[in-house]
Amino acid sequence: MNAALDPRAIILARIERYTAATGVSEWRLGLEAVHNANYARRLRAGKGASLTVVERAEAYMQADLARRGLPNLEILSRG
């Protein structure tokens, strides 16, 4: 599958941008956002995640960036 179209790669890239911008570890993100500290590690290992879980993680990251006064993930990806 084309990496640009691979949902898992897109999700992981967004997680990496979020953790780089905030200093929050992937472990902490998974624990707080989806109650699974191994969320990112499982995605890297090729395991799946339900759309509900992905949406919860996305909502958490966007809300946390807004709370911190940081740009959203789309803006972070451009620069």
C-alpha atoms as a PDB file:
ATOM      1  CA  MET A   1       0.000   0.000   0.000  1.00  0.00           C
ATOM      2  CA  ASN A   2       1.170   3.501  -0.818  1.00  0.00           C
ATOM      3  CA  ALA A   3       2.574   5.030   2.402  1.00  0.00           C
ATOM      4  CA  ALA A   4       0.741   8.286   1.661  1.00  0.00           C
ATOM      5  CA  LEU A   5      -2.567   6.386   1.702  1.00  0.00           C
ATOM      6  CA  ASP A   6      -1.821   3.964   4.545  1.00  0.00           C
ATOM      7  CA  PRO A   7      -4.167   4.920   7.403  1.00  0.00           C
ATOM      8  CA  ARG A   8      -1.821   3.482  10.022  1.00  0.00           C
ATOM      9  CA  ALA A   9       1.100   5.561   8.717  1.00  0.00           C
ATOM     10  CA  ILE A  10      -1.069   8.695   8.681  1.00  0.00           C
ATOM     11  CA  ILE A  11      -2.224   8.120  12.264  1.00  0.00           C
ATOM     12  CA  LEU A  12       1.338   7.449  13.450  1.00  0.00           C
ATOM     13  CA  ALA A  13       2.620  10.574  11.689  1.00  0.00           C
ATOM     14  CA  ARG A  14      -0.025  12.645  13.461  1.00  0.00           C
ATOM     15  CA  ILE A  15       0.939  11.089  16.803  1.00  0.00           C
ATOM     16  CA  GLU A  16       4.611  11.887  16.117  1.00  0.00           C
ATOM     17  CA  ARG A  17       3.792  15.520  15.268  1.00  0.00           C
ATOM     18  CA  TYR A  18       1.697  15.831  18.425  1.00  0.00           C
ATOM     19  CA  THR A  19       4.359  14.344  20.699  1.00  0.00           C
ATOM     20  CA  ALA A  20       7.083  16.487  19.122  1.00  0.00           C
ATOM     21  CA  ALA A  21       5.014  19.657  19.574  1.00  0.00           C
ATOM     22  CA  THR A  22       3.955  18.949  23.158  1.00  0.00           C
ATOM     23  CA  GLY A  23       6.684  16.792  24.681  1.00  0.00           C
ATOM     24  CA  VAL A  24       3.987  14.310  25.740  1.00  0.00           C
ATOM     25  CA  SER A  25       5.184  10.717  25.422  1.00  0.00           C
ATOM     26  CA  GLU A  26       3.330   8.261  23.213  1.00  0.00           C
ATOM     27  CA  TRP A  27       2.741   6.172  26.333  1.00  0.00           C
ATOM     28  CA  ARG A  28       1.054   9.100  28.116  1.00  0.00           C
ATOM     29  CA  LEU A  29      -0.984   9.996  25.027  1.00  0.00           C
ATOM     30  CA  GLY A  30      -2.315   6.454  24.731  1.00  0.00           C
ATOM     31  CA  LEU A  31      -3.091   6.201  28.416  1.00  0.00           C
ATOM     32  CA  GLU A  32      -4.907   9.531  28.646  1.00  0.00           C
ATOM     33  CA  ALA A  33      -6.633   9.524  25.254  1.00  0.00           C
ATOM     34  CA  VAL A  34      -7.720   5.922  24.755  1.00  0.00           C
ATOM     35  CA  HIS A  35      -6.895   4.220  28.070  1.00  0.00           C
ATOM     36  CA  ASN A  36      -4.242   2.077  26.388  1.00  0.00           C
ATOM     37  CA  ALA A  37      -0.646   3.090  27.054  1.00  0.00           C
ATOM     38  CA  ASN A  38       0.481   0.829  24.189  1.00  0.00           C
ATOM     39  CA  TYR A  39      -1.742   2.465  21.547  1.00  0.00           C
ATOM     40  CA  ALA A  40       1.069   3.817  19.320  1.00  0.00           C
ATOM     41  CA  ARG A  41       3.283   0.764  19.865  1.00  0.00           C
ATOM     42  CA  ARG A  42       0.437  -1.535  18.809  1.00  0.00           C
ATOM     43  CA  LEU A  43      -0.163   0.517  15.656  1.00  0.00           C
ATOM     44  CA  ARG A  44       3.554   0.301  14.814  1.00  0.00           C
ATOM     45  CA  ALA A  45       3.392  -3.458  15.290  1.00  0.00           C
ATOM     46  CA  GLY A  46       0.689  -3.652  12.633  1.00  0.00           C
ATOM     47  CA  LYS A  47      -2.261  -4.060  14.978  1.00  0.00           C
ATOM     48  CA  GLY A  48      -5.464  -2.253  14.182  1.00  0.00           C
ATOM     49  CA  ALA A  49      -7.572   0.243  16.062  1.00  0.00           C
ATOM     50  CA  SER A  50     -11.274   0.883  15.737  1.00  0.00           C
ATOM     51  CA  LEU A  51     -12.461   4.105  14.186  1.00  0.00           C
ATOM     52  CA  THR A  52     -13.883   5.088  17.584  1.00  0.00           C
ATOM     53  CA  VAL A  53     -10.462   4.725  19.218  1.00  0.00           C
ATOM     54  CA  VAL A  54      -8.736   6.686  16.457  1.00  0.00           C
ATOM     55  CA  GLU A  55     -11.349   9.444  16.732  1.00  0.00           C
ATOM     56  CA  ARG A  56     -10.905   9.594  20.516  1.00  0.00           C
ATOM     57  CA  ALA A  57      -7.128   9.921  20.156  1.00  0.00           C
ATOM     58  CA  GLU A  58      -7.525  12.587  17.474  1.00  0.00           C
ATOM     59  CA  ALA A  59     -10.006  14.575  19.573  1.00  0.00           C
ATOM     60  CA  TYR A  60      -7.700  14.373  22.583  1.00  0.00           C
ATOM     61  CA  MET A  61      -4.673  15.591  20.607  1.00  0.00           C
ATOM     62  CA  GLN A  62      -6.576  18.489  19.017  1.00  0.00           C
ATOM     63  CA  ALA A  63      -8.105  19.556  22.348  1.00  0.00           C
ATOM     64  CA  ASP A  64      -4.742  19.370  24.118  1.00  0.00           C
ATOM     65  CA  LEU A  65      -3.026  21.407  21.387  1.00  0.00           C
ATOM     66  CA  ALA A  66      -5.775  24.047  21.654  1.00  0.00           C
ATOM     67  CA  ARG A  67      -5.485  24.092  25.456  1.00  0.00           C
ATOM     68  CA  ARG A  68      -1.743  24.673  25.135  1.00  0.00           C
ATOM     69  CA  GLY A  69      -2.264  27.393  22.524  1.00  0.00           C
ATOM     70  CA  LEU A  70      -0.449  25.367  19.855  1.00  0.00           C
ATOM     71  CA  PRO A  71      -1.473  25.066  16.197  1.00  0.00           C
ATOM     72  CA  ASN A  72      -3.565  22.092  15.116  1.00  0.00           C
ATOM     73  CA  LEU A  73      -1.977  19.026  13.526  1.00  0.00           C
ATOM     74  CA  GLU A  74      -2.699  20.152   9.961  1.00  0.00           C
ATOM     75  CA  ILE A  75      -0.740  23.364  10.495  1.00  0.00           C
ATOM     76  CA  LEU A  76       2.086  21.478  12.223  1.00  0.00           C
ATOM     77  CA  SER A  77       2.388  19.159   9.233  1.00  0.00           C
ATOM     78  CA  ARG A  78       3.072  22.053   6.836  1.00  0.00           C
ATOM     79  CA  GLY A  79       6.033  23.413   8.521  1.00  0.00           C
END
